[in-house]
Amino acid sequence: MTAVAQITSCSTTSCAFNNGGCTAFAITVGGDTGAPSCGTFLSLDARGGLGVADAHVGACQRLECVHNTDLMCTAEAVQVGGDTAACLSYQAR
């Protein structure tokens, strides 16, 4: 693996790391089988993270996803959305 998957969009506006896009340095995709979600999701009244929306997937805990190789996301791009910060790029094997 030579690159990490970039978060190209996040529509979960209730997340403290969403400030015109994901401003976390990296996220972890966790959640349950069939319902992967951003484990970095944080619901606060404040905004935080980097000054730019340039986040990546640091780790993926969804072993059943076709994009998961050695706990890393191999998708070209990842989209996160919904009230639960779902990983919209997830695809079950």
PDB file of N, CA and C in Angstrom:
ATOM      1  N   MET A   1       0.853  -1.173   0.000  1.00  0.00           N
ATOM      2  CA  MET A   1       0.000   0.000   0.000  1.00  0.00           C
ATOM      3  C   MET A   1       0.899   1.236   0.000  1.00  0.00           C
ATOM      4  N   THR A   2       0.645   2.142  -0.921  1.00  0.00           N
ATOM      5  CA  THR A   2       1.501   3.320  -1.029  1.00  0.00           C
ATOM      6  C   THR A   2       0.807   4.624  -0.662  1.00  0.00           C
ATOM      7  N   ALA A   3      -0.499   4.581  -0.498  1.00  0.00           N
ATOM      8  CA  ALA A   3      -1.232   5.805  -0.160  1.00  0.00           C
ATOM      9  C   ALA A   3      -2.398   5.461   0.753  1.00  0.00           C
ATOM     10  N   VAL A   4      -2.885   6.458   1.471  1.00  0.00           N
ATOM     11  CA  VAL A   4      -4.065   6.271   2.311  1.00  0.00           C
ATOM     12  C   VAL A   4      -5.265   6.897   1.628  1.00  0.00           C
ATOM     13  N   ALA A   5      -6.431   6.337   1.888  1.00  0.00           N
ATOM     14  CA  ALA A   5      -7.657   6.815   1.261  1.00  0.00           C
ATOM     15  C   ALA A   5      -8.037   8.194   1.791  1.00  0.00           C
ATOM     16  N   GLN A   6      -8.334   9.100   0.894  1.00  0.00           N
ATOM     17  CA  GLN A   6      -8.727  10.456   1.267  1.00  0.00           C
ATOM     18  C   GLN A   6     -10.233  10.523   1.493  1.00  0.00           C
ATOM     19  N   ILE A   7     -10.648  11.323   2.472  1.00  0.00           N
ATOM     20  CA  ILE A   7     -12.059  11.603   2.691  1.00  0.00           C
ATOM     21  C   ILE A   7     -12.426  12.715   1.712  1.00  0.00           C
ATOM     22  N   THR A   8     -13.181  12.391   0.676  1.00  0.00           N
ATOM     23  CA  THR A   8     -13.506  13.396  -0.335  1.00  0.00           C
ATOM     24  C   THR A   8     -14.757  14.195   0.006  1.00  0.00           C
ATOM     25  N   SER A   9     -15.604  13.629   0.879  1.00  0.00           N
ATOM     26  CA  SER A   9     -16.766  14.402   1.317  1.00  0.00           C
ATOM     27  C   SER A   9     -17.294  13.862   2.638  1.00  0.00           C
ATOM     28  N   CYS A  10     -17.822  14.769   3.432  1.00  0.00           N
ATOM     29  CA  CYS A  10     -18.502  14.408   4.674  1.00  0.00           C
ATOM     30  C   CYS A  10     -19.694  15.339   4.832  1.00  0.00           C
ATOM     31  N   SER A  11     -20.871  14.743   4.854  1.00  0.00           N
ATOM     32  CA  SER A  11     -22.089  15.547   4.998  1.00  0.00           C
ATOM     33  C   SER A  11     -22.670  15.446   6.405  1.00  0.00           C
ATOM     34  N   THR A  12     -21.901  14.917   7.352  1.00  0.00           N
ATOM     35  CA  THR A  12     -22.350  14.810   8.736  1.00  0.00           C
ATOM     36  C   THR A  12     -22.035  16.118   9.449  1.00  0.00           C
ATOM     37  N   THR A  13     -22.925  17.080   9.312  1.00  0.00           N
ATOM     38  CA  THR A  13     -22.669  18.434   9.796  1.00  0.00           C
ATOM     39  C   THR A  13     -22.649  18.551  11.318  1.00  0.00           C
ATOM     40  N   SER A  14     -23.159  17.545  12.029  1.00  0.00           N
ATOM     41  CA  SER A  14     -23.152  17.608  13.496  1.00  0.00           C
ATOM     42  C   SER A  14     -21.817  17.181  14.084  1.00  0.00           C
ATOM     43  N   CYS A  15     -20.854  16.826  13.253  1.00  0.00           N
ATOM     44  CA  CYS A  15     -19.537  16.408  13.740  1.00  0.00           C
ATOM     45  C   CYS A  15     -18.639  17.624  13.950  1.00  0.00           C
ATOM     46  N   ALA A  16     -17.924  17.642  15.062  1.00  0.00           N
ATOM     47  CA  ALA A  16     -17.022  18.751  15.388  1.00  0.00           C
ATOM     48  C   ALA A  16     -15.861  18.860  14.405  1.00  0.00           C
ATOM     49  N   PHE A  17     -15.572  17.787  13.674  1.00  0.00           N
ATOM     50  CA  PHE A  17     -14.492  17.808  12.690  1.00  0.00           C
ATOM     51  C   PHE A  17     -14.977  18.176  11.289  1.00  0.00           C
ATOM     52  N   ASN A  18     -16.266  18.459  11.126  1.00  0.00           N
ATOM     53  CA  ASN A  18     -16.774  18.855   9.818  1.00  0.00           C
ATOM     54  C   ASN A  18     -16.878  20.373   9.778  1.00  0.00           C
ATOM     55  N   ASN A  19     -15.977  20.981   9.042  1.00  0.00           N
ATOM     56  CA  ASN A  19     -15.956  22.430   8.880  1.00  0.00           C
ATOM     57  C   ASN A  19     -15.713  22.702   7.391  1.00  0.00           C
ATOM     58  N   GLY A  20     -16.762  22.507   6.601  1.00  0.00           N
ATOM     59  CA  GLY A  20     -16.627  22.595   5.152  1.00  0.00           C
ATOM     60  C   GLY A  20     -15.984  21.344   4.581  1.00  0.00           C
ATOM     61  N   GLY A  21     -16.043  20.248   5.302  1.00  0.00           N
ATOM     62  CA  GLY A  21     -15.418  18.979   4.973  1.00  0.00           C
ATOM     63  C   GLY A  21     -14.740  18.449   6.219  1.00  0.00           C
ATOM     64  N   CYS A  22     -14.174  17.268   6.123  1.00  0.00           N
ATOM     65  CA  CYS A  22     -13.556  16.650   7.299  1.00  0.00           C
ATOM     66  C   CYS A  22     -12.190  17.267   7.575  1.00  0.00           C
ATOM     67  N   THR A  23     -12.049  17.864   8.755  1.00  0.00           N
ATOM     68  CA  THR A  23     -10.799  18.521   9.143  1.00  0.00           C
ATOM     69  C   THR A  23      -9.982  17.707  10.151  1.00  0.00           C
ATOM     70  N   ALA A  24     -10.409  16.472  10.432  1.00  0.00           N
ATOM     71  CA  ALA A  24      -9.581  15.589  11.265  1.00  0.00           C
ATOM     72  C   ALA A  24      -8.336  15.231  10.457  1.00  0.00           C
ATOM     73  N   PHE A  25      -7.222  14.980  11.125  1.00  0.00           N
ATOM     74  CA  PHE A  25      -6.018  14.561  10.407  1.00  0.00           C
ATOM     75  C   PHE A  25      -6.272  13.228   9.718  1.00  0.00           C
ATOM     76  N   ALA A  26      -6.905  12.305  10.465  1.00  0.00           N
ATOM     77  CA  ALA A  26      -7.274  10.994   9.937  1.00  0.00           C
ATOM     78  C   ALA A  26      -8.450  10.470  10.744  1.00  0.00           C
ATOM     79  N   ILE A  27      -9.257   9.616  10.118  1.00  0.00           N
ATOM     80  CA  ILE A  27     -10.381   9.004  10.819  1.00  0.00           C
ATOM     81  C   ILE A  27     -10.164   7.505  10.914  1.00  0.00           C
ATOM     82  N   THR A  28     -10.898   6.885  11.814  1.00  0.00           N
ATOM     83  CA  THR A  28     -10.966   5.432  11.901  1.00  0.00           C
ATOM     84  C   THR A  28     -12.367   5.028  11.499  1.00  0.00           C
ATOM     85  N   VAL A  29     -12.473   4.073  10.595  1.00  0.00           N
ATOM     86  CA  VAL A  29     -13.783   3.540  10.233  1.00  0.00           C
ATOM     87  C   VAL A  29     -14.036   2.348  11.143  1.00  0.00           C
ATOM     88  N   GLY A  30     -15.116   2.425  11.887  1.00  0.00           N
ATOM     89  CA  GLY A  30     -15.483   1.360  12.818  1.00  0.00           C
ATOM     90  C   GLY A  30     -16.917   0.953  12.578  1.00  0.00           C
ATOM     91  N   GLY A  31     -17.711   0.936  13.619  1.00  0.00           N
ATOM     92  CA  GLY A  31     -19.117   0.570  13.495  1.00  0.00           C
ATOM     93  C   GLY A  31     -19.311  -0.928  13.554  1.00  0.00           C
ATOM     94  N   ASP A  32     -20.474  -1.363  13.094  1.00  0.00           N
ATOM     95  CA  ASP A  32     -20.844  -2.771  13.131  1.00  0.00           C
ATOM     96  C   ASP A  32     -20.816  -3.361  11.728  1.00  0.00           C
ATOM     97  N   THR A  33     -20.764  -4.674  11.653  1.00  0.00           N
ATOM     98  CA  THR A  33     -20.812  -5.356  10.367  1.00  0.00           C
ATOM     99  C   THR A  33     -22.038  -4.897   9.599  1.00  0.00           C
ATOM    100  N   GLY A  34     -21.833  -4.454   8.383  1.00  0.00           N
ATOM    101  CA  GLY A  34     -22.934  -3.975   7.553  1.00  0.00           C
ATOM    102  C   GLY A  34     -23.344  -2.548   7.836  1.00  0.00           C
ATOM    103  N   ALA A  35     -22.801  -1.944   8.891  1.00  0.00           N
ATOM    104  CA  ALA A  35     -23.132  -0.563   9.245  1.00  0.00           C
ATOM    105  C   ALA A  35     -21.867   0.179   9.671  1.00  0.00           C
ATOM    106  N   PRO A  36     -20.912   0.320   8.759  1.00  0.00           N
ATOM    107  CA  PRO A  36     -19.662   0.989   9.107  1.00  0.00           C
ATOM    108  C   PRO A  36     -19.870   2.479   9.341  1.00  0.00           C
ATOM    109  N   SER A  37     -19.133   3.024  10.274  1.00  0.00           N
ATOM    110  CA  SER A  37     -19.271   4.452  10.556  1.00  0.00           C
ATOM    111  C   SER A  37     -17.933   5.040  10.977  1.00  0.00           C
ATOM    112  N   CYS A  38     -17.878   6.345  10.958  1.00  0.00           N
ATOM    113  CA  CYS A  38     -16.665   7.063  11.337  1.00  0.00           C
ATOM    114  C   CYS A  38     -16.504   7.010  12.853  1.00  0.00           C
ATOM    115  N   GLY A  39     -15.464   6.338  13.307  1.00  0.00           N
ATOM    116  CA  GLY A  39     -15.198   6.232  14.731  1.00  0.00           C
ATOM    117  C   GLY A  39     -14.633   7.506  15.323  1.00  0.00           C
ATOM    118  N   THR A  40     -14.303   8.476  14.466  1.00  0.00           N
ATOM    119  CA  THR A  40     -13.759   9.751  14.909  1.00  0.00           C
ATOM    120  C   THR A  40     -14.863  10.784  15.098  1.00  0.00           C
ATOM    121  N   PHE A  41     -16.094  10.432  14.717  1.00  0.00           N
ATOM    122  CA  PHE A  41     -17.252  11.329  14.862  1.00  0.00           C
ATOM    123  C   PHE A  41     -17.347  11.838  16.292  1.00  0.00           C
ATOM    124  N   LEU A  42     -17.502  13.143  16.424  1.00  0.00           N
ATOM    125  CA  LEU A  42     -17.585  13.778  17.735  1.00  0.00           C
ATOM    126  C   LEU A  42     -18.625  14.883  17.672  1.00  0.00           C
ATOM    127  N   SER A  43     -19.699  14.735  18.422  1.00  0.00           N
ATOM    128  CA  SER A  43     -20.778  15.718  18.412  1.00  0.00           C
ATOM    129  C   SER A  43     -20.565  16.731  19.529  1.00  0.00           C
ATOM    130  N   LEU A  44     -20.080  17.911  19.151  1.00  0.00           N
ATOM    131  CA  LEU A  44     -19.846  19.012  20.090  1.00  0.00           C
ATOM    132  C   LEU A  44     -20.323  20.313  19.458  1.00  0.00           C
ATOM    133  N   ASP A  45     -20.514  21.341  20.258  1.00  0.00           N
ATOM    134  CA  ASP A  45     -20.880  22.650  19.727  1.00  0.00           C
ATOM    135  C   ASP A  45     -19.674  23.392  19.162  1.00  0.00           C
ATOM    136  N   ALA A  46     -18.486  22.855  19.345  1.00  0.00           N
ATOM    137  CA  ALA A  46     -17.255  23.485  18.852  1.00  0.00           C
ATOM    138  C   ALA A  46     -16.808  22.818  17.564  1.00  0.00           C
ATOM    139  N   ARG A  47     -15.963  23.488  16.819  1.00  0.00           N
ATOM    140  CA  ARG A  47     -15.333  22.929  15.617  1.00  0.00           C
ATOM    141  C   ARG A  47     -13.850  22.801  15.897  1.00  0.00           C
ATOM    142  N   GLY A  48     -13.237  21.730  15.391  1.00  0.00           N
ATOM    143  CA  GLY A  48     -11.828  21.506  15.641  1.00  0.00           C
ATOM    144  C   GLY A  48     -11.160  20.852  14.456  1.00  0.00           C
ATOM    145  N   GLY A  49      -9.922  20.468  14.654  1.00  0.00           N
ATOM    146  CA  GLY A  49      -9.168  19.798  13.611  1.00  0.00           C
ATOM    147  C   GLY A  49      -8.242  20.746  12.887  1.00  0.00           C
ATOM    148  N   LEU A  50      -7.813  20.332  11.709  1.00  0.00           N
ATOM    149  CA  LEU A  50      -6.908  21.116  10.878  1.00  0.00           C
ATOM    150  C   LEU A  50      -7.617  22.334  10.293  1.00  0.00           C
ATOM    151  N   GLY A  51      -6.865  23.255   9.783  1.00  0.00           N
ATOM    152  CA  GLY A  51      -7.437  24.447   9.161  1.00  0.00           C
ATOM    153  C   GLY A  51      -8.009  24.190   7.771  1.00  0.00           C
ATOM    154  N   VAL A  52      -7.758  23.006   7.226  1.00  0.00           N
ATOM    155  CA  VAL A  52      -8.269  22.646   5.896  1.00  0.00           C
ATOM    156  C   VAL A  52      -8.925  21.278   5.960  1.00  0.00           C
ATOM    157  N   ALA A  53      -9.837  21.021   5.041  1.00  0.00           N
ATOM    158  CA  ALA A  53     -10.504  19.723   4.951  1.00  0.00           C
ATOM    159  C   ALA A  53      -9.653  18.800   4.090  1.00  0.00           C
ATOM    160  N   ASP A  54      -8.744  18.058   4.741  1.00  0.00           N
ATOM    161  CA  ASP A  54      -7.815  17.188   4.020  1.00  0.00           C
ATOM    162  C   ASP A  54      -7.602  15.887   4.787  1.00  0.00           C
ATOM    163  N   ALA A  55      -8.684  15.285   5.257  1.00  0.00           N
ATOM    164  CA  ALA A  55      -8.597  14.082   6.085  1.00  0.00           C
ATOM    165  C   ALA A  55      -8.418  12.820   5.254  1.00  0.00           C
ATOM    166  N   HIS A  56      -7.923  11.798   5.921  1.00  0.00           N
ATOM    167  CA  HIS A  56      -7.715  10.495   5.309  1.00  0.00           C
ATOM    168  C   HIS A  56      -8.219   9.413   6.262  1.00  0.00           C
ATOM    169  N   VAL A  57      -8.320   8.191   5.765  1.00  0.00           N
ATOM    170  CA  VAL A  57      -8.672   7.067   6.623  1.00  0.00           C
ATOM    171  C   VAL A  57      -7.378   6.515   7.193  1.00  0.00           C
ATOM    172  N   GLY A  58      -7.221   6.617   8.495  1.00  0.00           N
ATOM    173  CA  GLY A  58      -6.016   6.120   9.150  1.00  0.00           C
ATOM    174  C   GLY A  58      -6.081   4.626   9.385  1.00  0.00           C
ATOM    175  N   ALA A  59      -7.265   4.121   9.696  1.00  0.00           N
ATOM    176  CA  ALA A  59      -7.447   2.693   9.956  1.00  0.00           C
ATOM    177  C   ALA A  59      -8.885   2.304   9.650  1.00  0.00           C
ATOM    178  N   CYS A  60      -9.067   1.046   9.299  1.00  0.00           N
ATOM    179  CA  CYS A  60     -10.420   0.535   9.045  1.00  0.00           C
ATOM    180  C   CYS A  60     -10.601  -0.765   9.804  1.00  0.00           C
ATOM    181  N   GLN A  61     -11.628  -0.813  10.630  1.00  0.00           N
ATOM    182  CA  GLN A  61     -11.913  -1.989  11.444  1.00  0.00           C
ATOM    183  C   GLN A  61     -12.936  -2.917  10.793  1.00  0.00           C
ATOM    184  N   ARG A  62     -13.432  -2.562   9.611  1.00  0.00           N
ATOM    185  CA  ARG A  62     -14.450  -3.372   8.939  1.00  0.00           C
ATOM    186  C   ARG A  62     -13.792  -4.401   8.027  1.00  0.00           C
ATOM    187  N   LEU A  63     -13.422  -5.537   8.595  1.00  0.00           N
ATOM    188  CA  LEU A  63     -12.715  -6.590   7.872  1.00  0.00           C
ATOM    189  C   LEU A  63     -13.503  -7.132   6.684  1.00  0.00           C
ATOM    190  N   GLU A  64     -14.823  -7.037   6.741  1.00  0.00           N
ATOM    191  CA  GLU A  64     -15.661  -7.584   5.669  1.00  0.00           C
ATOM    192  C   GLU A  64     -15.798  -6.645   4.474  1.00  0.00           C
ATOM    193  N   CYS A  65     -15.171  -5.489   4.520  1.00  0.00           N
ATOM    194  CA  CYS A  65     -15.251  -4.529   3.412  1.00  0.00           C
ATOM    195  C   CYS A  65     -14.218  -4.900   2.335  1.00  0.00           C
ATOM    196  N   VAL A  66     -14.615  -4.800   1.077  1.00  0.00           N
ATOM    197  CA  VAL A  66     -13.710  -5.128  -0.031  1.00  0.00           C
ATOM    198  C   VAL A  66     -12.517  -4.187  -0.085  1.00  0.00           C
ATOM    199  N   HIS A  67     -12.635  -3.009   0.500  1.00  0.00           N
ATOM    200  CA  HIS A  67     -11.553  -2.022   0.475  1.00  0.00           C
ATOM    201  C   HIS A  67     -10.560  -2.194   1.626  1.00  0.00           C
ATOM    202  N   ASN A  68     -10.793  -3.152   2.523  1.00  0.00           N
ATOM    203  CA  ASN A  68      -9.942  -3.336   3.690  1.00  0.00           C
ATOM    204  C   ASN A  68      -8.831  -4.340   3.384  1.00  0.00           C
ATOM    205  N   THR A  69      -7.598  -3.870   3.457  1.00  0.00           N
ATOM    206  CA  THR A  69      -6.427  -4.732   3.332  1.00  0.00           C
ATOM    207  C   THR A  69      -5.508  -4.435   4.503  1.00  0.00           C
ATOM    208  N   ASP A  70      -5.302  -5.434   5.328  1.00  0.00           N
ATOM    209  CA  ASP A  70      -4.432  -5.275   6.495  1.00  0.00           C
ATOM    210  C   ASP A  70      -4.864  -4.116   7.385  1.00  0.00           C
ATOM    211  N   LEU A  71      -6.176  -3.945   7.554  1.00  0.00           N
ATOM    212  CA  LEU A  71      -6.790  -2.916   8.396  1.00  0.00           C
ATOM    213  C   LEU A  71      -6.614  -1.498   7.852  1.00  0.00           C
ATOM    214  N   MET A  72      -6.252  -1.395   6.581  1.00  0.00           N
ATOM    215  CA  MET A  72      -6.108  -0.105   5.908  1.00  0.00           C
ATOM    216  C   MET A  72      -7.134  -0.029   4.779  1.00  0.00           C
ATOM    217  N   CYS A  73      -7.620   1.171   4.496  1.00  0.00           N
ATOM    218  CA  CYS A  73      -8.600   1.380   3.441  1.00  0.00           C
ATOM    219  C   CYS A  73      -7.883   1.577   2.116  1.00  0.00           C
ATOM    220  N   THR A  74      -8.254   0.774   1.126  1.00  0.00           N
ATOM    221  CA  THR A  74      -7.636   0.867  -0.192  1.00  0.00           C
ATOM    222  C   THR A  74      -8.541   1.536  -1.220  1.00  0.00           C
ATOM    223  N   ALA A  75      -9.667   2.077  -0.779  1.00  0.00           N
ATOM    224  CA  ALA A  75     -10.566   2.778  -1.706  1.00  0.00           C
ATOM    225  C   ALA A  75      -9.870   4.019  -2.258  1.00  0.00           C
ATOM    226  N   GLU A  76     -10.185   4.385  -3.487  1.00  0.00           N
ATOM    227  CA  GLU A  76      -9.610   5.609  -4.069  1.00  0.00           C
ATOM    228  C   GLU A  76     -10.015   6.839  -3.280  1.00  0.00           C
ATOM    229  N   ALA A  77     -11.252   6.842  -2.822  1.00  0.00           N
ATOM    230  CA  ALA A  77     -11.794   7.973  -2.070  1.00  0.00           C
ATOM    231  C   ALA A  77     -12.891   7.453  -1.156  1.00  0.00           C
ATOM    232  N   VAL A  78     -13.112   8.150  -0.054  1.00  0.00           N
ATOM    233  CA  VAL A  78     -14.129   7.746   0.910  1.00  0.00           C
ATOM    234  C   VAL A  78     -15.079   8.908   1.140  1.00  0.00           C
ATOM    235  N   GLN A  79     -16.353   8.563   1.205  1.00  0.00           N
ATOM    236  CA  GLN A  79     -17.398   9.547   1.504  1.00  0.00           C
ATOM    237  C   GLN A  79     -18.075   9.135   2.797  1.00  0.00           C
ATOM    238  N   VAL A  80     -18.328  10.109   3.654  1.00  0.00           N
ATOM    239  CA  VAL A  80     -18.975   9.888   4.937  1.00  0.00           C
ATOM    240  C   VAL A  80     -20.240  10.734   4.962  1.00  0.00           C
ATOM    241  N   GLY A  81     -21.327  10.207   5.534  1.00  0.00           N
ATOM    242  CA  GLY A  81     -22.553  10.997   5.568  1.00  0.00           C
ATOM    243  C   GLY A  81     -23.599  10.446   6.503  1.00  0.00           C
ATOM    244  N   GLY A  82     -24.702  11.143   6.548  1.00  0.00           N
ATOM    245  CA  GLY A  82     -25.820  10.763   7.400  1.00  0.00           C
ATOM    246  C   GLY A  82     -25.618  11.184   8.840  1.00  0.00           C
ATOM    247  N   ASP A  83     -26.657  11.039   9.630  1.00  0.00           N
ATOM    248  CA  ASP A  83     -26.618  11.424  11.042  1.00  0.00           C
ATOM    249  C   ASP A  83     -25.645  10.582  11.857  1.00  0.00           C
ATOM    250  N   THR A  84     -25.364   9.358  11.391  1.00  0.00           N
ATOM    251  CA  THR A  84     -24.490   8.460  12.144  1.00  0.00           C
ATOM    252  C   THR A  84     -23.069   8.437  11.591  1.00  0.00           C
ATOM    253  N   ALA A  85     -22.735   9.329  10.689  1.00  0.00           N
ATOM    254  CA  ALA A  85     -21.398   9.398  10.062  1.00  0.00           C
ATOM    255  C   ALA A  85     -21.040   8.069   9.408  1.00  0.00           C
ATOM    256  N   ALA A  86     -21.955   7.562   8.602  1.00  0.00           N
ATOM    257  CA  ALA A  86     -21.761   6.278   7.927  1.00  0.00           C
ATOM    258  C   ALA A  86     -20.686   6.370   6.861  1.00  0.00           C
ATOM    259  N   CYS A  87     -19.923   5.295   6.704  1.00  0.00           N
ATOM    260  CA  CYS A  87     -18.953   5.215   5.607  1.00  0.00           C
ATOM    261  C   CYS A  87     -19.741   4.817   4.364  1.00  0.00           C
ATOM    262  N   LEU A  88     -19.952   5.759   3.473  1.00  0.00           N
ATOM    263  CA  LEU A  88     -20.768   5.538   2.276  1.00  0.00           C
ATOM    264  C   LEU A  88     -20.000   4.814   1.182  1.00  0.00           C
ATOM    265  N   SER A  89     -18.699   4.640   1.354  1.00  0.00           N
ATOM    266  CA  SER A  89     -17.869   3.942   0.364  1.00  0.00           C
ATOM    267  C   SER A  89     -17.721   2.456   0.674  1.00  0.00           C
ATOM    268  N   TYR A  90     -18.279   2.026   1.784  1.00  0.00           N
ATOM    269  CA  TYR A  90     -18.219   0.639   2.230  1.00  0.00           C
ATOM    270  C   TYR A  90     -18.884  -0.286   1.218  1.00  0.00           C
ATOM    271  N   GLN A  91     -18.242  -1.421   0.972  1.00  0.00           N
ATOM    272  CA  GLN A  91     -18.817  -2.480   0.139  1.00  0.00           C
ATOM    273  C   GLN A  91     -18.492  -3.822   0.785  1.00  0.00           C
ATOM    274  N   ALA A  92     -19.509  -4.580   1.123  1.00  0.00           N
ATOM    275  CA  ALA A  92     -19.297  -5.897   1.745  1.00  0.00           C
ATOM    276  C   ALA A  92     -18.721  -6.870   0.726  1.00  0.00           C
ATOM    277  N   ARG A  93     -17.906  -7.791   1.212  1.00  0.00           N
ATOM    278  CA  ARG A  93     -17.331  -8.853   0.348  1.00  0.00           C
ATOM    279  C   ARG A  93     -18.398  -9.804  -0.072  1.00  0.00           C
TER     280      ARG A  93
END
